[in-house]
Full PDB file with SEQRES, HELIX, SHEET, SSBOND, CRYST1, ORIGX, SCALE, CONECT and MASTER records, all heavy atoms in Angstrom:
SEQRES   1 A   39  THR ILE PRO ASN LYS LYS ILE GLU ASP PRO ALA SER GLY          
SEQRES   2 A   39  LYS VAL SER THR SER SER LEU ALA THR ARG GLN ASP LEU          
SEQRES   3 A   39  THR LYS PHE HIS LEU ILE PRO PRO ARG VAL ILE PHE GLY          
CRYST1    1.000    1.000    1.000  90.00  90.00  90.00 P 1           1          
ORIGX1      1.000000  0.000000  0.000000        0.00000                         
ORIGX2      0.000000  1.000000  0.000000        0.00000                         
ORIGX3      0.000000  0.000000  1.000000        0.00000                         
SCALE1      1.000000  0.000000  0.000000        0.00000                         
SCALE2      0.000000  1.000000  0.000000        0.00000                         
SCALE3      0.000000  0.000000  1.000000        0.00000                         
ATOM      1  N   THR A   1       6.754   7.040  -7.202  1.00  0.00           N  
ATOM      2  CA  THR A   1       6.549   5.625  -6.941  1.00  0.00           C  
ATOM      3  C   THR A   1       6.582   4.827  -8.231  1.00  0.00           C  
ATOM      4  O   THR A   1       6.314   5.344  -9.311  1.00  0.00           O  
ATOM      5  CB  THR A   1       5.195   5.363  -6.259  1.00  0.00           C  
ATOM      6  OG1 THR A   1       4.154   5.831  -7.111  1.00  0.00           O  
ATOM      7  CG2 THR A   1       5.097   6.052  -4.921  1.00  0.00           C  
ATOM      8  N   ILE A   2       6.911   3.559  -8.086  1.00  0.00           N  
ATOM      9  CA  ILE A   2       6.869   2.598  -9.186  1.00  0.00           C  
ATOM     10  C   ILE A   2       5.956   1.475  -8.723  1.00  0.00           C  
ATOM     11  O   ILE A   2       6.240   0.839  -7.705  1.00  0.00           O  
ATOM     12  CB  ILE A   2       8.280   2.050  -9.491  1.00  0.00           C  
ATOM     13  CG1 ILE A   2       9.235   3.192  -9.838  1.00  0.00           C  
ATOM     14  CG2 ILE A   2       8.221   1.017 -10.598  1.00  0.00           C  
ATOM     15  CD1 ILE A   2      10.695   2.773  -9.858  1.00  0.00           C  
ATOM     16  N   PRO A   3       4.818   1.212  -9.424  1.00  0.00           N  
ATOM     17  CA  PRO A   3       3.922   0.144  -8.976  1.00  0.00           C  
ATOM     18  C   PRO A   3       4.573  -1.224  -9.111  1.00  0.00           C  
ATOM     19  O   PRO A   3       5.277  -1.497 -10.073  1.00  0.00           O  
ATOM     20  CB  PRO A   3       2.700   0.281  -9.882  1.00  0.00           C  
ATOM     21  CG  PRO A   3       3.141   1.095 -11.035  1.00  0.00           C  
ATOM     22  CD  PRO A   3       4.346   1.896 -10.605  1.00  0.00           C  
ATOM     23  N   ASN A   4       4.334  -2.095  -8.118  1.00  0.00           N  
ATOM     24  CA  ASN A   4       4.823  -3.466  -8.146  1.00  0.00           C  
ATOM     25  C   ASN A   4       3.757  -4.367  -8.735  1.00  0.00           C  
ATOM     26  O   ASN A   4       2.575  -4.051  -8.694  1.00  0.00           O  
ATOM     27  CB  ASN A   4       5.146  -3.960  -6.733  1.00  0.00           C  
ATOM     28  CG  ASN A   4       6.331  -3.253  -6.141  1.00  0.00           C  
ATOM     29  OD1 ASN A   4       7.084  -2.597  -6.834  1.00  0.00           O  
ATOM     30  ND2 ASN A   4       6.492  -3.389  -4.835  1.00  0.00           N  
ATOM     31  N   LYS A   5       4.176  -5.511  -9.255  1.00  0.00           N  
ATOM     32  CA  LYS A   5       3.211  -6.518  -9.679  1.00  0.00           C  
ATOM     33  C   LYS A   5       2.561  -7.075  -8.428  1.00  0.00           C  
ATOM     34  O   LYS A   5       3.243  -7.426  -7.472  1.00  0.00           O  
ATOM     35  CB  LYS A   5       3.903  -7.638 -10.447  1.00  0.00           C  
ATOM     36  CG  LYS A   5       4.448  -7.206 -11.781  1.00  0.00           C  
ATOM     37  CD  LYS A   5       5.109  -8.379 -12.469  1.00  0.00           C  
ATOM     38  CE  LYS A   5       5.716  -7.955 -13.789  1.00  0.00           C  
ATOM     39  NZ  LYS A   5       6.434  -9.048 -14.439  1.00  0.00           N  
ATOM     40  N   LYS A   6       1.244  -7.159  -8.424  1.00  0.00           N  
ATOM     41  CA  LYS A   6       0.529  -7.657  -7.252  1.00  0.00           C  
ATOM     42  C   LYS A   6       0.619  -9.173  -7.209  1.00  0.00           C  
ATOM     43  O   LYS A   6       0.198  -9.867  -8.124  1.00  0.00           O  
ATOM     44  CB  LYS A   6      -0.935  -7.212  -7.294  1.00  0.00           C  
ATOM     45  CG  LYS A   6      -1.713  -7.553  -6.055  1.00  0.00           C  
ATOM     46  CD  LYS A   6      -1.163  -6.820  -4.857  1.00  0.00           C  
ATOM     47  CE  LYS A   6      -2.030  -7.105  -3.640  1.00  0.00           C  
ATOM     48  NZ  LYS A   6      -1.434  -6.663  -2.434  1.00  0.00           N  
ATOM     49  N   ILE A   7       1.190  -9.689  -6.140  1.00  0.00           N  
ATOM     50  CA  ILE A   7       1.327 -11.123  -5.940  1.00  0.00           C  
ATOM     51  C   ILE A   7       0.480 -11.498  -4.737  1.00  0.00           C  
ATOM     52  O   ILE A   7       0.570 -10.865  -3.684  1.00  0.00           O  
ATOM     53  CB  ILE A   7       2.810 -11.505  -5.696  1.00  0.00           C  
ATOM     54  CG1 ILE A   7       3.652 -11.096  -6.904  1.00  0.00           C  
ATOM     55  CG2 ILE A   7       2.932 -12.983  -5.400  1.00  0.00           C  
ATOM     56  CD1 ILE A   7       5.137 -11.212  -6.662  1.00  0.00           C  
ATOM     57  N   GLU A   8      -0.373 -12.502  -4.887  1.00  0.00           N  
ATOM     58  CA  GLU A   8      -1.210 -12.938  -3.780  1.00  0.00           C  
ATOM     59  C   GLU A   8      -0.346 -13.550  -2.685  1.00  0.00           C  
ATOM     60  O   GLU A   8       0.401 -14.482  -2.918  1.00  0.00           O  
ATOM     61  CB  GLU A   8      -2.250 -13.960  -4.251  1.00  0.00           C  
ATOM     62  CG  GLU A   8      -3.425 -13.330  -4.973  1.00  0.00           C  
ATOM     63  CD  GLU A   8      -4.214 -12.392  -4.078  1.00  0.00           C  
ATOM     64  OE1 GLU A   8      -4.415 -12.698  -2.886  1.00  0.00           O  
ATOM     65  OE2 GLU A   8      -4.618 -11.327  -4.572  1.00  0.00           O  
ATOM     66  N   ASP A   9      -0.462 -13.003  -1.500  1.00  0.00           N  
ATOM     67  CA  ASP A   9       0.293 -13.491  -0.363  1.00  0.00           C  
ATOM     68  C   ASP A   9      -0.709 -13.874   0.727  1.00  0.00           C  
ATOM     69  O   ASP A   9      -1.396 -13.002   1.260  1.00  0.00           O  
ATOM     70  CB  ASP A   9       1.249 -12.405   0.133  1.00  0.00           C  
ATOM     71  CG  ASP A   9       2.129 -12.874   1.265  1.00  0.00           C  
ATOM     72  OD1 ASP A   9       2.149 -14.083   1.551  1.00  0.00           O  
ATOM     73  OD2 ASP A   9       2.790 -12.011   1.878  1.00  0.00           O  
ATOM     74  N   PRO A  10      -0.835 -15.142   1.075  1.00  0.00           N  
ATOM     75  CA  PRO A  10      -1.836 -15.547   2.047  1.00  0.00           C  
ATOM     76  C   PRO A  10      -1.584 -14.980   3.440  1.00  0.00           C  
ATOM     77  O   PRO A  10      -2.491 -14.934   4.253  1.00  0.00           O  
ATOM     78  CB  PRO A  10      -1.748 -17.072   2.055  1.00  0.00           C  
ATOM     79  CG  PRO A  10      -0.430 -17.399   1.466  1.00  0.00           C  
ATOM     80  CD  PRO A  10      -0.058 -16.264   0.560  1.00  0.00           C  
ATOM     81  N   ALA A  11      -0.381 -14.512   3.725  1.00  0.00           N  
ATOM     82  CA  ALA A  11      -0.074 -13.991   5.060  1.00  0.00           C  
ATOM     83  C   ALA A  11      -0.072 -12.472   5.097  1.00  0.00           C  
ATOM     84  O   ALA A  11       0.435 -11.882   6.031  1.00  0.00           O  
ATOM     85  CB  ALA A  11       1.283 -14.506   5.511  1.00  0.00           C  
ATOM     86  N   SER A  12      -0.652 -11.820   4.102  1.00  0.00           N  
ATOM     87  CA  SER A  12      -0.560 -10.362   4.071  1.00  0.00           C  
ATOM     88  C   SER A  12      -1.684  -9.673   4.826  1.00  0.00           C  
ATOM     89  O   SER A  12      -1.776  -8.460   4.818  1.00  0.00           O  
ATOM     90  CB  SER A  12      -0.523  -9.860   2.619  1.00  0.00           C  
ATOM     91  OG  SER A  12      -1.756 -10.129   1.991  1.00  0.00           O  
ATOM     92  N   GLY A  13      -2.569 -10.409   5.466  1.00  0.00           N  
ATOM     93  CA  GLY A  13      -3.584  -9.793   6.304  1.00  0.00           C  
ATOM     94  C   GLY A  13      -4.678  -9.108   5.516  1.00  0.00           C  
ATOM     95  O   GLY A  13      -4.884  -7.915   5.658  1.00  0.00           O  
ATOM     96  N   LYS A  14      -5.395  -9.828   4.685  1.00  0.00           N  
ATOM     97  CA  LYS A  14      -6.444  -9.248   3.856  1.00  0.00           C  
ATOM     98  C   LYS A  14      -7.655  -8.861   4.698  1.00  0.00           C  
ATOM     99  O   LYS A  14      -8.001  -9.541   5.656  1.00  0.00           O  
ATOM    100  CB  LYS A  14      -6.883 -10.224   2.757  1.00  0.00           C  
ATOM    101  CG  LYS A  14      -5.785 -10.597   1.797  1.00  0.00           C  
ATOM    102  CD  LYS A  14      -5.368  -9.400   1.001  1.00  0.00           C  
ATOM    103  CE  LYS A  14      -4.253  -9.751   0.062  1.00  0.00           C  
ATOM    104  NZ  LYS A  14      -3.611  -8.635  -0.525  1.00  0.00           N  
ATOM    105  N   VAL A  15      -8.325  -7.800   4.305  1.00  0.00           N  
ATOM    106  CA  VAL A  15      -9.553  -7.372   4.948  1.00  0.00           C  
ATOM    107  C   VAL A  15     -10.703  -7.871   4.090  1.00  0.00           C  
ATOM    108  O   VAL A  15     -10.738  -7.633   2.886  1.00  0.00           O  
ATOM    109  CB  VAL A  15      -9.602  -5.826   5.066  1.00  0.00           C  
ATOM    110  CG1 VAL A  15     -10.935  -5.381   5.611  1.00  0.00           C  
ATOM    111  CG2 VAL A  15      -8.484  -5.354   5.948  1.00  0.00           C  
ATOM    112  N   SER A  16     -11.671  -8.564   4.701  1.00  0.00           N  
ATOM    113  CA  SER A  16     -12.779  -9.098   3.925  1.00  0.00           C  
ATOM    114  C   SER A  16     -14.087  -8.410   4.261  1.00  0.00           C  
ATOM    115  O   SER A  16     -15.154  -8.960   4.037  1.00  0.00           O  
ATOM    116  CB  SER A  16     -12.892 -10.607   4.156  1.00  0.00           C  
ATOM    117  OG  SER A  16     -13.092 -10.849   5.529  1.00  0.00           O  
ATOM    118  N   THR A  17     -14.027  -7.224   4.822  1.00  0.00           N  
ATOM    119  CA  THR A  17     -15.225  -6.457   5.116  1.00  0.00           C  
ATOM    120  C   THR A  17     -15.833  -5.994   3.806  1.00  0.00           C  
ATOM    121  O   THR A  17     -15.138  -5.509   2.923  1.00  0.00           O  
ATOM    122  CB  THR A  17     -14.870  -5.239   5.996  1.00  0.00           C  
ATOM    123  OG1 THR A  17     -14.158  -5.713   7.133  1.00  0.00           O  
ATOM    124  CG2 THR A  17     -16.113  -4.499   6.424  1.00  0.00           C  
ATOM    125  N   SER A  18     -17.157  -6.108   3.670  1.00  0.00           N  
ATOM    126  CA  SER A  18     -17.794  -5.800   2.395  1.00  0.00           C  
ATOM    127  C   SER A  18     -17.616  -4.343   1.990  1.00  0.00           C  
ATOM    128  O   SER A  18     -17.520  -4.030   0.817  1.00  0.00           O  
ATOM    129  CB  SER A  18     -19.289  -6.141   2.447  1.00  0.00           C  
ATOM    130  OG  SER A  18     -19.922  -5.333   3.415  1.00  0.00           O  
ATOM    131  N   SER A  19     -17.583  -3.421   2.952  1.00  0.00           N  
ATOM    132  CA  SER A  19     -17.416  -2.015   2.599  1.00  0.00           C  
ATOM    133  C   SER A  19     -16.021  -1.725   2.061  1.00  0.00           C  
ATOM    134  O   SER A  19     -15.813  -0.751   1.364  1.00  0.00           O  
ATOM    135  CB  SER A  19     -17.695  -1.122   3.806  1.00  0.00           C  
ATOM    136  OG  SER A  19     -16.744  -1.375   4.818  1.00  0.00           O  
ATOM    137  N   LEU A  20     -15.049  -2.570   2.390  1.00  0.00           N  
ATOM    138  CA  LEU A  20     -13.681  -2.365   1.932  1.00  0.00           C  
ATOM    139  C   LEU A  20     -13.298  -3.311   0.807  1.00  0.00           C  
ATOM    140  O   LEU A  20     -12.212  -3.211   0.262  1.00  0.00           O  
ATOM    141  CB  LEU A  20     -12.707  -2.553   3.093  1.00  0.00           C  
ATOM    142  CG  LEU A  20     -12.862  -1.580   4.255  1.00  0.00           C  
ATOM    143  CD1 LEU A  20     -11.925  -1.971   5.373  1.00  0.00           C  
ATOM    144  CD2 LEU A  20     -12.611  -0.166   3.819  1.00  0.00           C  
ATOM    145  N   ALA A  21     -14.177  -4.232   0.439  1.00  0.00           N  
ATOM    146  CA  ALA A  21     -13.837  -5.240  -0.548  1.00  0.00           C  
ATOM    147  C   ALA A  21     -13.645  -4.656  -1.947  1.00  0.00           C  
ATOM    148  O   ALA A  21     -12.954  -5.229  -2.764  1.00  0.00           O  
ATOM    149  CB  ALA A  21     -14.905  -6.321  -0.586  1.00  0.00           C  
ATOM    150  N   THR A  22     -14.246  -3.514  -2.237  1.00  0.00           N  
ATOM    151  CA  THR A  22     -14.132  -2.920  -3.566  1.00  0.00           C  
ATOM    152  C   THR A  22     -12.890  -2.064  -3.714  1.00  0.00           C  
ATOM    153  O   THR A  22     -12.507  -1.729  -4.826  1.00  0.00           O  
ATOM    154  CB  THR A  22     -15.370  -2.054  -3.877  1.00  0.00           C  
ATOM    155  OG1 THR A  22     -15.477  -1.037  -2.886  1.00  0.00           O  
ATOM    156  CG2 THR A  22     -16.627  -2.906  -3.890  1.00  0.00           C  
ATOM    157  N   ARG A  23     -12.253  -1.706  -2.627  1.00  0.00           N  
ATOM    158  CA  ARG A  23     -11.046  -0.890  -2.704  1.00  0.00           C  
ATOM    159  C   ARG A  23      -9.884  -1.735  -3.175  1.00  0.00           C  
ATOM    160  O   ARG A  23      -9.664  -2.829  -2.697  1.00  0.00           O  
ATOM    161  CB  ARG A  23     -10.704  -0.286  -1.342  1.00  0.00           C  
ATOM    162  CG  ARG A  23     -11.702   0.789  -0.965  1.00  0.00           C  
ATOM    163  CD  ARG A  23     -11.208   1.608   0.173  1.00  0.00           C  
ATOM    164  NE  ARG A  23      -9.902   2.148  -0.140  1.00  0.00           N  
ATOM    165  CZ  ARG A  23      -9.170   2.786   0.736  1.00  0.00           C  
ATOM    166  NH1 ARG A  23      -9.581   2.967   1.938  1.00  0.00           N  
ATOM    167  NH2 ARG A  23      -7.988   3.250   0.402  1.00  0.00           N  
ATOM    168  N   GLN A  24      -9.114  -1.200  -4.118  1.00  0.00           N  
ATOM    169  CA  GLN A  24      -7.977  -1.934  -4.647  1.00  0.00           C  
ATOM    170  C   GLN A  24      -6.714  -1.682  -3.839  1.00  0.00           C  
ATOM    171  O   GLN A  24      -5.964  -2.582  -3.562  1.00  0.00           O  
ATOM    172  CB  GLN A  24      -7.732  -1.537  -6.108  1.00  0.00           C  
ATOM    173  CG  GLN A  24      -8.883  -1.901  -7.032  1.00  0.00           C  
ATOM    174  CD  GLN A  24      -9.071  -3.388  -7.142  1.00  0.00           C  
ATOM    175  OE1 GLN A  24      -8.102  -4.125  -7.153  1.00  0.00           O  
ATOM    176  NE2 GLN A  24     -10.297  -3.847  -7.204  1.00  0.00           N  
ATOM    177  N   ASP A  25      -6.502  -0.436  -3.472  1.00  0.00           N  
ATOM    178  CA  ASP A  25      -5.251  -0.061  -2.815  1.00  0.00           C  
ATOM    179  C   ASP A  25      -5.482   0.086  -1.318  1.00  0.00           C  
ATOM    180  O   ASP A  25      -5.861   1.141  -0.840  1.00  0.00           O  
ATOM    181  CB  ASP A  25      -4.740   1.256  -3.419  1.00  0.00           C  
ATOM    182  CG  ASP A  25      -3.324   1.566  -3.006  1.00  0.00           C  
ATOM    183  OD1 ASP A  25      -2.675   0.683  -2.416  1.00  0.00           O  
ATOM    184  OD2 ASP A  25      -2.877   2.684  -3.262  1.00  0.00           O  
ATOM    185  N   LEU A  26      -5.280  -1.010  -0.565  1.00  0.00           N  
ATOM    186  CA  LEU A  26      -5.522  -0.985   0.871  1.00  0.00           C  
ATOM    187  C   LEU A  26      -4.261  -0.704   1.665  1.00  0.00           C  
ATOM    188  O   LEU A  26      -4.325  -0.494   2.861  1.00  0.00           O  
ATOM    189  CB  LEU A  26      -6.127  -2.323   1.318  1.00  0.00           C  
ATOM    190  CG  LEU A  26      -7.493  -2.654   0.715  1.00  0.00           C  
ATOM    191  CD1 LEU A  26      -7.922  -4.036   1.147  1.00  0.00           C  
ATOM    192  CD2 LEU A  26      -8.523  -1.624   1.116  1.00  0.00           C  
ATOM    193  N   THR A  27      -3.108  -0.727   1.025  1.00  0.00           N  
ATOM    194  CA  THR A  27      -1.857  -0.452   1.721  1.00  0.00           C  
ATOM    195  C   THR A  27      -1.161   0.716   1.038  1.00  0.00           C  
ATOM    196  O   THR A  27      -0.907   0.679  -0.160  1.00  0.00           O  
ATOM    197  CB  THR A  27      -0.940  -1.691   1.707  1.00  0.00           C  
ATOM    198  OG1 THR A  27      -0.732  -2.086   0.364  1.00  0.00           O  
ATOM    199  CG2 THR A  27      -1.549  -2.832   2.481  1.00  0.00           C  
ATOM    200  N   LYS A  28      -0.867   1.734   1.813  1.00  0.00           N  
ATOM    201  CA  LYS A  28      -0.185   2.916   1.294  1.00  0.00           C  
ATOM    202  C   LYS A  28       0.806   3.403   2.335  1.00  0.00           C  
ATOM    203  O   LYS A  28       0.543   3.326   3.528  1.00  0.00           O  
ATOM    204  CB  LYS A  28      -1.174   4.052   1.030  1.00  0.00           C  
ATOM    205  CG  LYS A  28      -2.005   3.916  -0.189  1.00  0.00           C  
ATOM    206  CD  LYS A  28      -2.800   5.209  -0.360  1.00  0.00           C  
ATOM    207  CE  LYS A  28      -3.678   5.154  -1.568  1.00  0.00           C  
ATOM    208  NZ  LYS A  28      -4.487   6.362  -1.700  1.00  0.00           N  
ATOM    209  N   PHE A  29       1.907   3.928   1.853  1.00  0.00           N  
ATOM    210  CA  PHE A  29       2.888   4.552   2.728  1.00  0.00           C  
ATOM    211  C   PHE A  29       3.131   5.975   2.252  1.00  0.00           C  
ATOM    212  O   PHE A  29       3.129   6.239   1.048  1.00  0.00           O  
ATOM    213  CB  PHE A  29       4.219   3.791   2.691  1.00  0.00           C  
ATOM    214  CG  PHE A  29       4.238   2.544   3.532  1.00  0.00           C  
ATOM    215  CD1 PHE A  29       4.139   1.296   2.946  1.00  0.00           C  
ATOM    216  CD2 PHE A  29       4.372   2.615   4.901  1.00  0.00           C  
ATOM    217  CE1 PHE A  29       4.171   0.144   3.700  1.00  0.00           C  
ATOM    218  CE2 PHE A  29       4.414   1.470   5.676  1.00  0.00           C  
ATOM    219  CZ  PHE A  29       4.304   0.225   5.070  1.00  0.00           C  
ATOM    220  N   HIS A  30       3.339   6.879   3.190  1.00  0.00           N  
ATOM    221  CA  HIS A  30       3.755   8.244   2.886  1.00  0.00           C  
ATOM    222  C   HIS A  30       5.091   8.499   3.553  1.00  0.00           C  
ATOM    223  O   HIS A  30       5.328   8.058   4.677  1.00  0.00           O  
ATOM    224  CB  HIS A  30       2.739   9.261   3.403  1.00  0.00           C  
ATOM    225  CG  HIS A  30       1.534   9.385   2.526  1.00  0.00           C  
ATOM    226  ND1 HIS A  30       0.567  10.320   2.748  1.00  0.00           N  
ATOM    227  CD2 HIS A  30       1.135   8.701   1.429  1.00  0.00           C  
ATOM    228  CE1 HIS A  30      -0.369  10.211   1.826  1.00  0.00           C  
ATOM    229  NE2 HIS A  30      -0.047   9.225   1.027  1.00  0.00           N  
ATOM    230  N   LEU A  31       5.959   9.233   2.848  1.00  0.00           N  
ATOM    231  CA  LEU A  31       7.261   9.619   3.397  1.00  0.00           C  
ATOM    232  C   LEU A  31       7.181  11.042   3.913  1.00  0.00           C  
ATOM    233  O   LEU A  31       6.707  11.932   3.221  1.00  0.00           O  
ATOM    234  CB  LEU A  31       8.335   9.536   2.310  1.00  0.00           C  
ATOM    235  CG  LEU A  31       8.749   8.142   1.883  1.00  0.00           C  
ATOM    236  CD1 LEU A  31       9.600   8.210   0.632  1.00  0.00           C  
ATOM    237  CD2 LEU A  31       9.525   7.474   2.992  1.00  0.00           C  
ATOM    238  N   ILE A  32       7.646  11.259   5.128  1.00  0.00           N  
ATOM    239  CA  ILE A  32       7.679  12.593   5.714  1.00  0.00           C  
ATOM    240  C   ILE A  32       9.100  12.861   6.183  1.00  0.00           C  
ATOM    241  O   ILE A  32       9.555  12.213   7.122  1.00  0.00           O  
ATOM    242  CB  ILE A  32       6.711  12.709   6.908  1.00  0.00           C  
ATOM    243  CG1 ILE A  32       5.301  12.315   6.459  1.00  0.00           C  
ATOM    244  CG2 ILE A  32       6.729  14.109   7.482  1.00  0.00           C  
ATOM    245  CD1 ILE A  32       4.331  12.171   7.601  1.00  0.00           C  
ATOM    246  N   PRO A  33       9.850  13.736   5.576  1.00  0.00           N  
ATOM    247  CA  PRO A  33       9.597  14.536   4.376  1.00  0.00           C  
ATOM    248  C   PRO A  33       9.765  13.694   3.114  1.00  0.00           C  
ATOM    249  O   PRO A  33      10.423  12.651   3.144  1.00  0.00           O  
ATOM    250  CB  PRO A  33      10.679  15.615   4.446  1.00  0.00           C  
ATOM    251  CG  PRO A  33      11.801  14.981   5.161  1.00  0.00           C  
ATOM    252  CD  PRO A  33      11.179  14.031   6.151  1.00  0.00           C  
ATOM    253  N   PRO A  34       9.191  14.135   1.981  1.00  0.00           N  
ATOM    254  CA  PRO A  34       9.266  13.348   0.755  1.00  0.00           C  
ATOM    255  C   PRO A  34      10.626  13.374   0.071  1.00  0.00           C  
ATOM    256  O   PRO A  34      10.858  12.639  -0.877  1.00  0.00           O  
ATOM    257  CB  PRO A  34       8.204  13.975  -0.145  1.00  0.00           C  
ATOM    258  CG  PRO A  34       8.038  15.355   0.373  1.00  0.00           C  
ATOM    259  CD  PRO A  34       8.331  15.304   1.831  1.00  0.00           C  
ATOM    260  N   ARG A  35      11.552  14.232   0.525  1.00  0.00           N  
ATOM    261  CA  ARG A  35      12.918  14.283  -0.030  1.00  0.00           C  
ATOM    262  C   ARG A  35      13.854  14.755   1.082  1.00  0.00           C  
ATOM    263  O   ARG A  35      13.431  15.409   2.031  1.00  0.00           O  
ATOM    264  CB  ARG A  35      12.988  15.201  -1.242  1.00  0.00           C  
ATOM    265  CG  ARG A  35      12.855  16.665  -0.949  1.00  0.00           C  
ATOM    266  CD  ARG A  35      12.736  17.518  -2.189  1.00  0.00           C  
ATOM    267  NE  ARG A  35      11.619  17.178  -3.027  1.00  0.00           N  
ATOM    268  CZ  ARG A  35      10.367  17.596  -2.830  1.00  0.00           C  
ATOM    269  NH1 ARG A  35      10.079  18.349  -1.799  1.00  0.00           N  
ATOM    270  NH2 ARG A  35       9.397  17.239  -3.651  1.00  0.00           N  
ATOM    271  N   VAL A  36      15.130  14.398   0.954  1.00  0.00           N  
ATOM    272  CA  VAL A  36      16.134  14.803   1.946  1.00  0.00           C  
ATOM    273  C   VAL A  36      17.203  15.624   1.232  1.00  0.00           C  
ATOM    274  O   VAL A  36      17.801  15.153   0.263  1.00  0.00           O  
ATOM    275  CB  VAL A  36      16.780  13.574   2.630  1.00  0.00           C  
ATOM    276  CG1 VAL A  36      17.885  14.009   3.570  1.00  0.00           C  
ATOM    277  CG2 VAL A  36      15.731  12.776   3.368  1.00  0.00           C  
ATOM    278  N   ILE A  37      17.418  16.847   1.706  1.00  0.00           N  
ATOM    279  CA  ILE A  37      18.473  17.707   1.177  1.00  0.00           C  
ATOM    280  C   ILE A  37      19.379  18.064   2.352  1.00  0.00           C  
ATOM    281  O   ILE A  37      18.975  18.793   3.261  1.00  0.00           O  
ATOM    282  CB  ILE A  37      17.891  18.965   0.512  1.00  0.00           C  
ATOM    283  CG1 ILE A  37      16.960  18.564  -0.636  1.00  0.00           C  
ATOM    284  CG2 ILE A  37      19.009  19.864   0.003  1.00  0.00           C  
ATOM    285  CD1 ILE A  37      16.202  19.700  -1.263  1.00  0.00           C  
ATOM    286  N   PHE A  38      20.587  17.520   2.337  1.00  0.00           N  
ATOM    287  CA  PHE A  38      21.528  17.753   3.430  1.00  0.00           C  
ATOM    288  C   PHE A  38      22.175  19.126   3.358  1.00  0.00           C  
ATOM    289  O   PHE A  38      22.623  19.646   4.366  1.00  0.00           O  
ATOM    290  CB  PHE A  38      22.621  16.668   3.437  1.00  0.00           C  
ATOM    291  CG  PHE A  38      22.192  15.381   4.075  1.00  0.00           C  
ATOM    292  CD1 PHE A  38      21.829  14.300   3.305  1.00  0.00           C  
ATOM    293  CD2 PHE A  38      22.153  15.252   5.450  1.00  0.00           C  
ATOM    294  CE1 PHE A  38      21.447  13.108   3.879  1.00  0.00           C  
ATOM    295  CE2 PHE A  38      21.768  14.066   6.047  1.00  0.00           C  
ATOM    296  CZ  PHE A  38      21.402  12.986   5.253  1.00  0.00           C  
ATOM    297  N   GLY A  39      22.279  19.707   2.173  1.00  0.00           N  
ATOM    298  CA  GLY A  39      22.944  21.002   2.024  1.00  0.00           C  
ATOM    299  C   GLY A  39      24.441  20.801   1.812  1.00  0.00           C  
ATOM    300  O   GLY A  39      24.877  19.811   1.252  1.00  0.00           O  
TER     301      GLY A  39                                                      
MASTER        0    0    0    0    0    0    0    6  300    1    0    3          
END                                                                             
């Protein structure tokens, strides 16, 4: 991965719950499988 510059987006659906307010990385994606080998 390459980190992107964080840009405030008012439409990105922020969570304002106090238990989650300290977490920085609230959005993550995983690729399944992490690589493709066609052969």
